[in-house]
Amino acid sequence: MKKLFLSVVATVLATVGFAQSNLVATLCHGDSISTFYGTDALNNAHSAAVEGDVITLSSGTFSAPGILNKGIVLRGAGMFTDTINGIAPTIVTGGEILFQGSSDNKLKIEGIYFNCTISLYSKFQHKNASFVRCRLSTVRCWYSNFTTTNMQNLSFINCYVSEALHLRGTVSVINCVVKDLEADSPILNISNSVLLYINGPDTSNFMAGIGNSTISNCYICTDSNPNISIPASTQLYNNVADYASTIRNATNTSNKVIATSNVFKTFRKSSSYNEDETFELTSEAASTYLGNDGTQVGIYGGTLPFDPTPTYPRLVKCNVAGKSAQDGTLSVELKIE
């Protein structure tokens, strides 16, 4: 036990020491830990990984790998700056990441700011993949020869999507902020989210592709565009929209039309995207506009209220004595958040 503890501490200290001045990716495979450094650390760690491995990235900016084709767990330090604990985000940047799934893909990505396009390649299976507490730019499903059965149980939880979310297959969007949601014959379950300026694959009827889906407890912001109308085949429950035509086909009387200025503390216009916008409801709106579970509509209601902090422990403090004591021990203070 003592030897294992010292090994773990040594690994942590080595990682912390390099993280202060360099980019670090650690690859965990069972009891084995490998470390990679520099802007290509993510790429190199992924190349060495196998299904089920865990890759953890430090704060800083990493080059995006061209392809991710393994069912791994990928963790970052967070998608936004953690001012309370003084932790900078993990940023992945580049042109495009092409996700090629596997036959039993359990890909999970959390706590990363993606400044690149993410494409889900159609001829590979993507089952049970999830993006949690990530900031995403554009996510798209390739339509060419797309088999919808290959996209099963994809989920986005506590995410910000700044450009567009193009979906097919079976997808859940939970407590997210999404600008420009597009869909083509999916089965969507969207709950407690803020949907901004929604579009669809058919410009003559922007929402045509979102039929046979469920949208509940959301704020739907369309910037007074009369062409954006959710089809009658979509089930709507306890949503708030800023324009009547958006939900004109809805048969559920629990949906409401309320001006944006009467809902949010600071957010006003649907077509703009501000990284610092929190989308908090006013006190009055939070107690007035309730979802079908009795909590407020939007990203702070439901069972998974929005929180950008990663769910796994992060090392936020490390103090190491300048020299060892007379008995050979070394004082190390670690704080795990």
C-alpha atoms as a PDB file:
ATOM      1  CA  MET A   1       0.000   0.000   0.000  1.00  0.00           C
ATOM      2  CA  LYS A   2       2.805   2.429   0.857  1.00  0.00           C
ATOM      3  CA  LYS A   3       4.558   1.774  -2.436  1.00  0.00           C
ATOM      4  CA  LEU A   4       1.329   2.343  -4.383  1.00  0.00           C
ATOM      5  CA  PHE A   5       0.674   5.618  -2.510  1.00  0.00           C
ATOM      6  CA  LEU A   6       4.154   6.918  -3.242  1.00  0.00           C
ATOM      7  CA  SER A   7       3.763   5.976  -6.888  1.00  0.00           C
ATOM      8  CA  VAL A   8       0.477   7.843  -7.167  1.00  0.00           C
ATOM      9  CA  VAL A   9       1.870  10.923  -5.395  1.00  0.00           C
ATOM     10  CA  ALA A  10       4.954  10.901  -7.600  1.00  0.00           C
ATOM     11  CA  THR A  11       2.781  10.736 -10.704  1.00  0.00           C
ATOM     12  CA  VAL A  12       0.560  13.563  -9.473  1.00  0.00           C
ATOM     13  CA  LEU A  13       3.516  15.731  -8.553  1.00  0.00           C
ATOM     14  CA  ALA A  14       5.179  15.124 -11.893  1.00  0.00           C
ATOM     15  CA  THR A  15       1.981  16.064 -13.675  1.00  0.00           C
ATOM     16  CA  VAL A  16       1.480  19.185 -11.575  1.00  0.00           C
ATOM     17  CA  GLY A  17       5.063  20.263 -12.068  1.00  0.00           C
ATOM     18  CA  PHE A  18       4.807  20.064 -15.827  1.00  0.00           C
ATOM     19  CA  ALA A  19       1.258  21.450 -15.963  1.00  0.00           C
ATOM     20  CA  GLN A  20       2.450  24.760 -14.621  1.00  0.00           C
ATOM     21  CA  SER A  21       4.464  25.418 -17.774  1.00  0.00           C
ATOM     22  CA  ASN A  22       3.487  22.693 -20.278  1.00  0.00           C
ATOM     23  CA  LEU A  23       0.504  20.869 -21.680  1.00  0.00           C
ATOM     24  CA  VAL A  24      -0.007  17.433 -20.161  1.00  0.00           C
ATOM     25  CA  ALA A  25      -2.146  14.435 -21.093  1.00  0.00           C
ATOM     26  CA  THR A  26      -2.205  11.366 -18.866  1.00  0.00           C
ATOM     27  CA  LEU A  27      -3.376   8.017 -20.199  1.00  0.00           C
ATOM     28  CA  CYS A  28      -4.716   5.532 -17.656  1.00  0.00           C
ATOM     29  CA  HIS A  29      -4.882   1.899 -18.733  1.00  0.00           C
ATOM     30  CA  GLY A  30      -5.776  -0.245 -15.746  1.00  0.00           C
ATOM     31  CA  ASP A  31      -3.051   0.378 -13.156  1.00  0.00           C
ATOM     32  CA  SER A  32      -0.666   1.803 -15.758  1.00  0.00           C
ATOM     33  CA  ILE A  33      -0.268   5.571 -16.264  1.00  0.00           C
ATOM     34  CA  SER A  34       1.514   7.137 -19.244  1.00  0.00           C
ATOM     35  CA  THR A  35       2.207  10.847 -19.642  1.00  0.00           C
ATOM     36  CA  PHE A  36       2.433  12.932 -22.818  1.00  0.00           C
ATOM     37  CA  TYR A  37       3.441  16.579 -23.190  1.00  0.00           C
ATOM     38  CA  GLY A  38       2.974  19.459 -25.618  1.00  0.00           C
ATOM     39  CA  THR A  39       0.312  20.604 -28.048  1.00  0.00           C
ATOM     40  CA  ASP A  40       0.086  17.119 -29.613  1.00  0.00           C
ATOM     41  CA  ALA A  41      -0.299  15.379 -26.252  1.00  0.00           C
ATOM     42  CA  LEU A  42      -3.959  14.529 -26.872  1.00  0.00           C
ATOM     43  CA  ASN A  43      -3.191  13.077 -30.273  1.00  0.00           C
ATOM     44  CA  ASN A  44      -0.324  10.998 -28.924  1.00  0.00           C
ATOM     45  CA  ALA A  45      -2.327   9.763 -25.941  1.00  0.00           C
ATOM     46  CA  HIS A  46      -5.199   8.742 -28.189  1.00  0.00           C
ATOM     47  CA  SER A  47      -2.849   6.851 -30.490  1.00  0.00           C
ATOM     48  CA  ALA A  48      -1.603   4.831 -27.515  1.00  0.00           C
ATOM     49  CA  ALA A  49      -5.068   4.267 -26.011  1.00  0.00           C
ATOM     50  CA  VAL A  50      -7.390   1.296 -26.349  1.00  0.00           C
ATOM     51  CA  GLU A  51     -11.122   0.947 -25.696  1.00  0.00           C
ATOM     52  CA  GLY A  52     -12.007   1.803 -22.105  1.00  0.00           C
ATOM     53  CA  ASP A  53      -8.908   3.893 -21.312  1.00  0.00           C
ATOM     54  CA  VAL A  54      -9.099   7.297 -19.627  1.00  0.00           C
ATOM     55  CA  ILE A  55      -7.272  10.352 -21.001  1.00  0.00           C
ATOM     56  CA  THR A  56      -7.037  13.392 -18.721  1.00  0.00           C
ATOM     57  CA  LEU A  57      -5.918  16.771 -20.072  1.00  0.00           C
ATOM     58  CA  SER A  58      -4.447  19.673 -18.137  1.00  0.00           C
ATOM     59  CA  SER A  59      -5.527  23.262 -18.616  1.00  0.00           C
ATOM     60  CA  GLY A  60      -4.246  24.839 -21.811  1.00  0.00           C
ATOM     61  CA  THR A  61      -4.720  24.561 -25.570  1.00  0.00           C
ATOM     62  CA  PHE A  62      -4.240  21.240 -27.365  1.00  0.00           C
ATOM     63  CA  SER A  63      -4.224  20.470 -31.083  1.00  0.00           C
ATOM     64  CA  ALA A  64      -7.284  18.557 -32.178  1.00  0.00           C
ATOM     65  CA  PRO A  65      -6.653  15.014 -33.393  1.00  0.00           C
ATOM     66  CA  GLY A  66      -7.984  14.440 -36.877  1.00  0.00           C
ATOM     67  CA  ILE A  67      -9.769  11.232 -35.893  1.00  0.00           C
ATOM     68  CA  LEU A  68     -11.134   9.781 -32.650  1.00  0.00           C
ATOM     69  CA  ASN A  69     -12.135   6.176 -33.183  1.00  0.00           C
ATOM     70  CA  LYS A  70     -11.979   4.557 -29.746  1.00  0.00           C
ATOM     71  CA  GLY A  71     -14.496   4.257 -26.934  1.00  0.00           C
ATOM     72  CA  ILE A  72     -12.468   6.181 -24.358  1.00  0.00           C
ATOM     73  CA  VAL A  73     -13.171   8.595 -21.522  1.00  0.00           C
ATOM     74  CA  LEU A  74     -11.702  12.031 -22.286  1.00  0.00           C
ATOM     75  CA  ARG A  75     -11.536  14.538 -19.430  1.00  0.00           C
ATOM     76  CA  GLY A  76     -10.480  18.164 -19.279  1.00  0.00           C
ATOM     77  CA  ALA A  77     -10.022  20.749 -16.543  1.00  0.00           C
ATOM     78  CA  GLY A  78     -13.287  22.459 -17.492  1.00  0.00           C
ATOM     79  CA  MET A  79     -14.949  24.250 -20.389  1.00  0.00           C
ATOM     80  CA  PHE A  80     -14.790  27.698 -18.774  1.00  0.00           C
ATOM     81  CA  THR A  81     -12.392  29.379 -16.358  1.00  0.00           C
ATOM     82  CA  ASP A  82     -13.041  28.344 -12.764  1.00  0.00           C
ATOM     83  CA  THR A  83     -12.436  31.656 -10.998  1.00  0.00           C
ATOM     84  CA  ILE A  84     -13.170  30.240  -7.540  1.00  0.00           C
ATOM     85  CA  ASN A  85     -10.460  27.579  -7.722  1.00  0.00           C
ATOM     86  CA  GLY A  86      -8.199  29.408 -10.177  1.00  0.00           C
ATOM     87  CA  ILE A  87      -8.369  26.709 -12.867  1.00  0.00           C
ATOM     88  CA  ALA A  88      -8.083  27.606 -16.556  1.00  0.00           C
ATOM     89  CA  PRO A  89     -10.094  25.663 -19.149  1.00  0.00           C
ATOM     90  CA  THR A  90      -8.920  22.848 -21.394  1.00  0.00           C
ATOM     91  CA  ILE A  91      -9.172  23.979 -25.023  1.00  0.00           C
ATOM     92  CA  VAL A  92      -9.015  21.722 -28.069  1.00  0.00           C
ATOM     93  CA  THR A  93      -8.559  23.633 -31.307  1.00  0.00           C
ATOM     94  CA  GLY A  94      -8.117  22.775 -34.971  1.00  0.00           C
ATOM     95  CA  GLY A  95     -10.113  22.323 -38.141  1.00  0.00           C
ATOM     96  CA  GLU A  96     -12.205  19.219 -37.504  1.00  0.00           C
ATOM     97  CA  ILE A  97     -12.374  16.116 -35.357  1.00  0.00           C
ATOM     98  CA  LEU A  98     -13.874  13.130 -37.152  1.00  0.00           C
ATOM     99  CA  PHE A  99     -15.482  10.714 -34.700  1.00  0.00           C
ATOM    100  CA  GLN A 100     -15.449   7.171 -36.009  1.00  0.00           C
ATOM    101  CA  GLY A 101     -17.320   5.028 -33.523  1.00  0.00           C
ATOM    102  CA  SER A 102     -16.805   1.417 -32.614  1.00  0.00           C
ATOM    103  CA  SER A 103     -19.152  -1.550 -32.337  1.00  0.00           C
ATOM    104  CA  ASP A 104     -19.592  -0.897 -28.602  1.00  0.00           C
ATOM    105  CA  ASN A 105     -18.784   2.772 -28.405  1.00  0.00           C
ATOM    106  CA  LYS A 106     -19.014   4.177 -24.889  1.00  0.00           C
ATOM    107  CA  LEU A 107     -17.223   7.411 -25.633  1.00  0.00           C
ATOM    108  CA  LYS A 108     -17.565  10.021 -22.880  1.00  0.00           C
ATOM    109  CA  ILE A 109     -16.112  13.504 -23.126  1.00  0.00           C
ATOM    110  CA  GLU A 110     -16.314  16.013 -20.285  1.00  0.00           C
ATOM    111  CA  GLY A 111     -14.920  19.383 -19.271  1.00  0.00           C
ATOM    112  CA  ILE A 112     -13.472  20.601 -22.583  1.00  0.00           C
ATOM    113  CA  TYR A 113     -13.815  23.776 -24.659  1.00  0.00           C
ATOM    114  CA  PHE A 114     -13.863  22.665 -28.310  1.00  0.00           C
ATOM    115  CA  ASN A 115     -12.860  25.366 -30.769  1.00  0.00           C
ATOM    116  CA  CYS A 116     -13.305  23.108 -33.779  1.00  0.00           C
ATOM    117  CA  THR A 117     -15.956  21.210 -35.716  1.00  0.00           C
ATOM    118  CA  ILE A 118     -16.953  17.765 -34.499  1.00  0.00           C
ATOM    119  CA  SER A 119     -18.277  15.385 -37.162  1.00  0.00           C
ATOM    120  CA  LEU A 120     -19.928  12.052 -36.437  1.00  0.00           C
ATOM    121  CA  TYR A 121     -19.158   9.789 -39.369  1.00  0.00           C
ATOM    122  CA  SER A 122     -22.240   7.976 -40.629  1.00  0.00           C
ATOM    123  CA  LYS A 123     -21.023   4.500 -41.512  1.00  0.00           C
ATOM    124  CA  PHE A 124     -19.682   3.822 -38.005  1.00  0.00           C
ATOM    125  CA  GLN A 125     -21.787   3.102 -34.954  1.00  0.00           C
ATOM    126  CA  HIS A 126     -22.063   5.717 -32.238  1.00  0.00           C
ATOM    127  CA  LYS A 127     -23.784   4.119 -29.277  1.00  0.00           C
ATOM    128  CA  ASN A 128     -24.054   5.593 -25.773  1.00  0.00           C
ATOM    129  CA  ALA A 129     -21.599   8.405 -26.555  1.00  0.00           C
ATOM    130  CA  SER A 130     -21.932  11.512 -24.387  1.00  0.00           C
ATOM    131  CA  PHE A 131     -20.682  15.087 -24.215  1.00  0.00           C
ATOM    132  CA  VAL A 132     -20.905  16.451 -20.677  1.00  0.00           C
ATOM    133  CA  ARG A 133     -20.126  19.997 -19.544  1.00  0.00           C
ATOM    134  CA  CYS A 134     -18.384  20.869 -22.802  1.00  0.00           C
ATOM    135  CA  ARG A 135     -18.433  23.999 -24.891  1.00  0.00           C
ATOM    136  CA  LEU A 136     -18.953  22.908 -28.488  1.00  0.00           C
ATOM    137  CA  SER A 137     -18.726  24.927 -31.675  1.00  0.00           C
ATOM    138  CA  THR A 138     -20.362  22.924 -34.469  1.00  0.00           C
ATOM    139  CA  VAL A 139     -21.457  19.308 -34.150  1.00  0.00           C
ATOM    140  CA  ARG A 140     -22.737  17.631 -37.272  1.00  0.00           C
ATOM    141  CA  CYS A 141     -23.825  14.209 -38.449  1.00  0.00           C
ATOM    142  CA  TRP A 142     -22.655  13.313 -41.917  1.00  0.00           C
ATOM    143  CA  TYR A 143     -25.741  12.840 -44.079  1.00  0.00           C
ATOM    144  CA  SER A 144     -24.155  10.883 -46.921  1.00  0.00           C
ATOM    145  CA  ASN A 145     -25.391   7.268 -46.735  1.00  0.00           C
ATOM    146  CA  PHE A 146     -26.342   7.898 -43.117  1.00  0.00           C
ATOM    147  CA  THR A 147     -27.898   5.004 -41.232  1.00  0.00           C
ATOM    148  CA  THR A 148     -29.917   6.390 -38.347  1.00  0.00           C
ATOM    149  CA  THR A 149     -29.614   3.117 -36.431  1.00  0.00           C
ATOM    150  CA  ASN A 150     -25.898   3.814 -36.108  1.00  0.00           C
ATOM    151  CA  MET A 151     -26.630   6.861 -33.954  1.00  0.00           C
ATOM    152  CA  GLN A 152     -28.149   5.547 -30.742  1.00  0.00           C
ATOM    153  CA  ASN A 153     -28.385   7.149 -27.306  1.00  0.00           C
ATOM    154  CA  LEU A 154     -26.115  10.095 -28.067  1.00  0.00           C
ATOM    155  CA  SER A 155     -26.406  12.646 -25.257  1.00  0.00           C
ATOM    156  CA  PHE A 156     -25.433  16.251 -24.596  1.00  0.00           C
ATOM    157  CA  ILE A 157     -25.620  17.280 -20.921  1.00  0.00           C
ATOM    158  CA  ASN A 158     -24.796  20.726 -19.473  1.00  0.00           C
ATOM    159  CA  CYS A 159     -23.209  21.881 -22.741  1.00  0.00           C
ATOM    160  CA  TYR A 160     -23.001  25.170 -24.633  1.00  0.00           C
ATOM    161  CA  VAL A 161     -23.190  24.924 -28.444  1.00  0.00           C
ATOM    162  CA  SER A 162     -22.055  28.205 -29.979  1.00  0.00           C
ATOM    163  CA  GLU A 163     -22.618  27.599 -33.704  1.00  0.00           C
ATOM    164  CA  ALA A 164     -24.823  24.654 -34.673  1.00  0.00           C
ATOM    165  CA  LEU A 165     -26.009  21.236 -33.550  1.00  0.00           C
ATOM    166  CA  HIS A 166     -26.993  19.047 -36.513  1.00  0.00           C
ATOM    167  CA  LEU A 167     -28.604  15.798 -35.394  1.00  0.00           C
ATOM    168  CA  ARG A 168     -29.842  12.428 -36.597  1.00  0.00           C
ATOM    169  CA  GLY A 169     -30.656   9.224 -34.779  1.00  0.00           C
ATOM    170  CA  THR A 170     -31.670   8.954 -31.126  1.00  0.00           C
ATOM    171  CA  VAL A 171     -30.343  11.935 -29.169  1.00  0.00           C
ATOM    172  CA  SER A 172     -30.932  13.547 -25.766  1.00  0.00           C
ATOM    173  CA  VAL A 173     -30.172  17.221 -25.134  1.00  0.00           C
ATOM    174  CA  ILE A 174     -30.392  17.954 -21.407  1.00  0.00           C
ATOM    175  CA  ASN A 175     -29.846  21.326 -19.695  1.00  0.00           C
ATOM    176  CA  CYS A 176     -27.923  22.783 -22.619  1.00  0.00           C
ATOM    177  CA  VAL A 177     -27.690  26.079 -24.472  1.00  0.00           C
ATOM    178  CA  VAL A 178     -27.915  25.443 -28.215  1.00  0.00           C
ATOM    179  CA  LYS A 179     -27.629  28.000 -30.989  1.00  0.00           C
ATOM    180  CA  ASP A 180     -29.052  26.782 -34.289  1.00  0.00           C
ATOM    181  CA  LEU A 181     -30.464  23.322 -33.684  1.00  0.00           C
ATOM    182  CA  GLU A 182     -30.917  21.429 -36.943  1.00  0.00           C
ATOM    183  CA  ALA A 183     -32.371  17.969 -37.271  1.00  0.00           C
ATOM    184  CA  ASP A 184     -33.240  15.487 -39.979  1.00  0.00           C
ATOM    185  CA  SER A 185     -35.678  12.719 -38.959  1.00  0.00           C
ATOM    186  CA  PRO A 186     -34.235  12.164 -35.487  1.00  0.00           C
ATOM    187  CA  ILE A 187     -35.850  11.007 -32.294  1.00  0.00           C
ATOM    188  CA  LEU A 188     -34.928  13.859 -29.979  1.00  0.00           C
ATOM    189  CA  ASN A 189     -35.561  14.287 -26.289  1.00  0.00           C
ATOM    190  CA  ILE A 190     -34.781  17.901 -25.400  1.00  0.00           C
ATOM    191  CA  SER A 191     -35.360  19.066 -21.851  1.00  0.00           C
ATOM    192  CA  ASN A 192     -34.526  22.093 -19.689  1.00  0.00           C
ATOM    193  CA  SER A 193     -32.548  23.799 -22.413  1.00  0.00           C
ATOM    194  CA  VAL A 194     -32.332  27.195 -24.087  1.00  0.00           C
ATOM    195  CA  LEU A 195     -32.782  26.876 -27.845  1.00  0.00           C
ATOM    196  CA  LEU A 196     -31.644  29.890 -29.838  1.00  0.00           C
ATOM    197  CA  TYR A 197     -32.727  30.687 -33.379  1.00  0.00           C
ATOM    198  CA  ILE A 198     -33.658  27.144 -34.305  1.00  0.00           C
ATOM    199  CA  ASN A 199     -33.237  26.071 -37.916  1.00  0.00           C
ATOM    200  CA  GLY A 200     -33.850  22.822 -39.761  1.00  0.00           C
ATOM    201  CA  PRO A 201     -32.683  21.103 -42.948  1.00  0.00           C
ATOM    202  CA  ASP A 202     -35.517  22.546 -45.068  1.00  0.00           C
ATOM    203  CA  THR A 203     -35.358  26.334 -45.396  1.00  0.00           C
ATOM    204  CA  SER A 204     -39.004  26.509 -46.449  1.00  0.00           C
ATOM    205  CA  ASN A 205     -40.053  24.985 -43.139  1.00  0.00           C
ATOM    206  CA  PHE A 206     -37.194  25.342 -40.696  1.00  0.00           C
ATOM    207  CA  MET A 207     -38.509  22.889 -38.116  1.00  0.00           C
ATOM    208  CA  ALA A 208     -39.677  20.150 -40.494  1.00  0.00           C
ATOM    209  CA  GLY A 209     -36.887  17.773 -39.502  1.00  0.00           C
ATOM    210  CA  ILE A 210     -37.598  17.821 -35.791  1.00  0.00           C
ATOM    211  CA  GLY A 211     -40.869  15.868 -35.891  1.00  0.00           C
ATOM    212  CA  ASN A 212     -41.589  12.836 -33.703  1.00  0.00           C
ATOM    213  CA  SER A 213     -39.514  14.324 -30.906  1.00  0.00           C
ATOM    214  CA  THR A 214     -40.173  15.700 -27.421  1.00  0.00           C
ATOM    215  CA  ILE A 215     -39.288  19.184 -26.193  1.00  0.00           C
ATOM    216  CA  SER A 216     -40.057  19.980 -22.571  1.00  0.00           C
ATOM    217  CA  ASN A 217     -39.265  22.661 -19.997  1.00  0.00           C
ATOM    218  CA  CYS A 218     -37.269  24.737 -22.494  1.00  0.00           C
ATOM    219  CA  TYR A 219     -37.046  28.379 -23.521  1.00  0.00           C
ATOM    220  CA  ILE A 220     -37.309  28.587 -27.309  1.00  0.00           C
ATOM    221  CA  CYS A 221     -35.944  31.830 -28.723  1.00  0.00           C
ATOM    222  CA  THR A 222     -36.585  32.404 -32.449  1.00  0.00           C
ATOM    223  CA  ASP A 223     -36.054  36.147 -32.793  1.00  0.00           C
ATOM    224  CA  SER A 224     -39.562  36.741 -34.193  1.00  0.00           C
ATOM    225  CA  ASN A 225     -38.972  34.605 -37.297  1.00  0.00           C
ATOM    226  CA  PRO A 226     -42.404  33.538 -38.580  1.00  0.00           C
ATOM    227  CA  ASN A 227     -40.899  30.722 -40.690  1.00  0.00           C
ATOM    228  CA  ILE A 228     -39.712  28.823 -37.625  1.00  0.00           C
ATOM    229  CA  SER A 229     -42.523  26.598 -36.451  1.00  0.00           C
ATOM    230  CA  ILE A 230     -42.283  23.330 -34.578  1.00  0.00           C
ATOM    231  CA  PRO A 231     -44.348  20.660 -36.386  1.00  0.00           C
ATOM    232  CA  ALA A 232     -47.443  19.188 -34.771  1.00  0.00           C
ATOM    233  CA  SER A 233     -45.805  15.735 -34.585  1.00  0.00           C
ATOM    234  CA  THR A 234     -43.413  17.078 -31.943  1.00  0.00           C
ATOM    235  CA  GLN A 235     -44.616  16.769 -28.370  1.00  0.00           C
ATOM    236  CA  LEU A 236     -44.280  20.053 -26.459  1.00  0.00           C
ATOM    237  CA  TYR A 237     -44.589  20.238 -22.692  1.00  0.00           C
ATOM    238  CA  ASN A 238     -44.276  23.311 -20.467  1.00  0.00           C
ATOM    239  CA  ASN A 239     -42.074  25.342 -22.786  1.00  0.00           C
ATOM    240  CA  VAL A 240     -41.800  29.106 -23.031  1.00  0.00           C
ATOM    241  CA  ALA A 241     -41.330  30.718 -26.453  1.00  0.00           C
ATOM    242  CA  ASP A 242     -40.684  34.308 -27.434  1.00  0.00           C
ATOM    243  CA  TYR A 243     -42.877  34.200 -30.540  1.00  0.00           C
ATOM    244  CA  ALA A 244     -46.331  32.703 -31.008  1.00  0.00           C
ATOM    245  CA  SER A 245     -45.716  31.169 -34.441  1.00  0.00           C
ATOM    246  CA  THR A 246     -42.965  28.969 -33.004  1.00  0.00           C
ATOM    247  CA  ILE A 247     -45.470  26.844 -31.131  1.00  0.00           C
ATOM    248  CA  ARG A 248     -48.562  27.533 -33.240  1.00  0.00           C
ATOM    249  CA  ASN A 249     -48.892  23.821 -34.038  1.00  0.00           C
ATOM    250  CA  ALA A 250     -48.608  22.754 -30.406  1.00  0.00           C
ATOM    251  CA  THR A 251     -51.615  21.023 -28.901  1.00  0.00           C
ATOM    252  CA  ASN A 252     -50.389  21.248 -25.314  1.00  0.00           C
ATOM    253  CA  THR A 253     -51.838  24.273 -23.530  1.00  0.00           C
ATOM    254  CA  SER A 254     -49.007  24.307 -20.978  1.00  0.00           C
ATOM    255  CA  ASN A 255     -46.725  26.117 -23.455  1.00  0.00           C
ATOM    256  CA  LYS A 256     -46.522  29.898 -23.101  1.00  0.00           C
ATOM    257  CA  VAL A 257     -45.421  32.875 -25.194  1.00  0.00           C
ATOM    258  CA  ILE A 258     -43.421  35.368 -23.127  1.00  0.00           C
ATOM    259  CA  ALA A 259     -41.073  38.168 -24.213  1.00  0.00           C
ATOM    260  CA  THR A 260     -37.390  37.426 -23.576  1.00  0.00           C
ATOM    261  CA  SER A 261     -37.054  40.575 -21.467  1.00  0.00           C
ATOM    262  CA  ASN A 262     -39.620  39.175 -19.035  1.00  0.00           C
ATOM    263  CA  VAL A 263     -37.785  35.873 -18.562  1.00  0.00           C
ATOM    264  CA  PHE A 264     -34.032  36.368 -18.309  1.00  0.00           C
ATOM    265  CA  LYS A 265     -31.965  38.606 -16.061  1.00  0.00           C
ATOM    266  CA  THR A 266     -29.660  39.773 -18.848  1.00  0.00           C
ATOM    267  CA  PHE A 267     -30.265  37.838 -22.079  1.00  0.00           C
ATOM    268  CA  ARG A 268     -32.289  39.762 -24.663  1.00  0.00           C
ATOM    269  CA  LYS A 269     -31.694  38.707 -28.280  1.00  0.00           C
ATOM    270  CA  SER A 270     -31.879  35.171 -29.622  1.00  0.00           C
ATOM    271  CA  SER A 271     -29.557  35.483 -32.621  1.00  0.00           C
ATOM    272  CA  SER A 272     -26.568  36.597 -30.548  1.00  0.00           C
ATOM    273  CA  TYR A 273     -24.262  34.272 -28.653  1.00  0.00           C
ATOM    274  CA  ASN A 274     -22.264  35.522 -25.712  1.00  0.00           C
ATOM    275  CA  GLU A 275     -19.896  33.157 -23.949  1.00  0.00           C
ATOM    276  CA  ASP A 276     -20.401  35.008 -20.676  1.00  0.00           C
ATOM    277  CA  GLU A 277     -24.192  34.809 -20.788  1.00  0.00           C
ATOM    278  CA  THR A 278     -25.520  32.652 -17.951  1.00  0.00           C
ATOM    279  CA  PHE A 279     -29.168  32.509 -19.108  1.00  0.00           C
ATOM    280  CA  GLU A 280     -30.416  32.909 -15.557  1.00  0.00           C
ATOM    281  CA  LEU A 281     -34.131  33.526 -15.137  1.00  0.00           C
ATOM    282  CA  THR A 282     -35.370  36.435 -13.077  1.00  0.00           C
ATOM    283  CA  SER A 283     -36.639  35.510  -9.620  1.00  0.00           C
ATOM    284  CA  GLU A 284     -40.200  36.080 -10.758  1.00  0.00           C
ATOM    285  CA  ALA A 285     -39.785  33.996 -13.928  1.00  0.00           C
ATOM    286  CA  ALA A 286     -38.078  31.158 -12.023  1.00  0.00           C
ATOM    287  CA  SER A 287     -41.066  30.851  -9.723  1.00  0.00           C
ATOM    288  CA  THR A 288     -43.695  31.435 -12.416  1.00  0.00           C
ATOM    289  CA  TYR A 289     -42.632  29.416 -15.468  1.00  0.00           C
ATOM    290  CA  LEU A 290     -42.310  25.849 -14.290  1.00  0.00           C
ATOM    291  CA  GLY A 291     -41.607  22.632 -16.124  1.00  0.00           C
ATOM    292  CA  ASN A 292     -43.660  19.457 -15.875  1.00  0.00           C
ATOM    293  CA  ASP A 293     -41.531  18.435 -12.883  1.00  0.00           C
ATOM    294  CA  GLY A 294     -42.307  21.595 -10.911  1.00  0.00           C
ATOM    295  CA  THR A 295     -38.851  23.162 -11.311  1.00  0.00           C
ATOM    296  CA  GLN A 296     -38.075  26.252 -13.367  1.00  0.00           C
ATOM    297  CA  VAL A 297     -37.856  25.998 -17.127  1.00  0.00           C
ATOM    298  CA  GLY A 298     -34.447  26.453 -18.706  1.00  0.00           C
ATOM    299  CA  ILE A 299     -31.005  25.180 -17.860  1.00  0.00           C
ATOM    300  CA  TYR A 300     -31.195  25.544 -14.067  1.00  0.00           C
ATOM    301  CA  GLY A 301     -34.263  23.357 -13.634  1.00  0.00           C
ATOM    302  CA  GLY A 302     -34.813  19.616 -13.836  1.00  0.00           C
ATOM    303  CA  THR A 303     -32.692  16.891 -12.258  1.00  0.00           C
ATOM    304  CA  LEU A 304     -29.405  18.010 -13.875  1.00  0.00           C
ATOM    305  CA  PRO A 305     -29.281  21.816 -13.397  1.00  0.00           C
ATOM    306  CA  PHE A 306     -26.512  23.471 -15.376  1.00  0.00           C
ATOM    307  CA  ASP A 307     -23.092  23.521 -13.730  1.00  0.00           C
ATOM    308  CA  PRO A 308     -19.873  23.882 -15.793  1.00  0.00           C
ATOM    309  CA  THR A 309     -17.658  22.274 -13.118  1.00  0.00           C
ATOM    310  CA  PRO A 310     -16.532  18.743 -14.081  1.00  0.00           C
ATOM    311  CA  THR A 311     -17.972  15.929 -11.992  1.00  0.00           C
ATOM    312  CA  TYR A 312     -14.632  14.210 -11.287  1.00  0.00           C
ATOM    313  CA  PRO A 313     -12.030  15.353  -8.712  1.00  0.00           C
ATOM    314  CA  ARG A 314      -9.498  17.955  -9.836  1.00  0.00           C
ATOM    315  CA  LEU A 315      -6.217  18.883  -8.189  1.00  0.00           C
ATOM    316  CA  VAL A 316      -6.533  22.555  -7.226  1.00  0.00           C
ATOM    317  CA  LYS A 317      -3.676  22.968  -4.745  1.00  0.00           C
ATOM    318  CA  CYS A 318      -0.240  21.393  -4.337  1.00  0.00           C
ATOM    319  CA  ASN A 319       2.369  22.592  -1.834  1.00  0.00           C
ATOM    320  CA  VAL A 320       5.648  20.687  -1.563  1.00  0.00           C
ATOM    321  CA  ALA A 321       8.234  21.443   1.107  1.00  0.00           C
ATOM    322  CA  GLY A 322      11.562  22.729  -0.163  1.00  0.00           C
ATOM    323  CA  LYS A 323      13.469  19.882   1.508  1.00  0.00           C
ATOM    324  CA  SER A 324      12.798  16.692   3.390  1.00  0.00           C
ATOM    325  CA  ALA A 325      12.793  16.357   7.182  1.00  0.00           C
ATOM    326  CA  GLN A 326      15.586  14.694   9.153  1.00  0.00           C
ATOM    327  CA  ASP A 327      13.721  11.380   9.082  1.00  0.00           C
ATOM    328  CA  GLY A 328      13.606  11.475   5.285  1.00  0.00           C
ATOM    329  CA  THR A 329       9.904  12.360   4.945  1.00  0.00           C
ATOM    330  CA  LEU A 330       8.721  15.079   2.583  1.00  0.00           C
ATOM    331  CA  SER A 331       5.761  17.288   3.430  1.00  0.00           C
ATOM    332  CA  VAL A 332       3.209  17.404   0.618  1.00  0.00           C
ATOM    333  CA  GLU A 333      -0.143  19.209   0.811  1.00  0.00           C
ATOM    334  CA  LEU A 334      -2.714  18.284  -1.811  1.00  0.00           C
ATOM    335  CA  LYS A 335      -6.189  19.768  -2.175  1.00  0.00           C
ATOM    336  CA  ILE A 336      -8.661  17.933  -4.349  1.00  0.00           C
ATOM    337  CA  GLU A 337     -11.747  19.802  -5.510  1.00  0.00           C
END
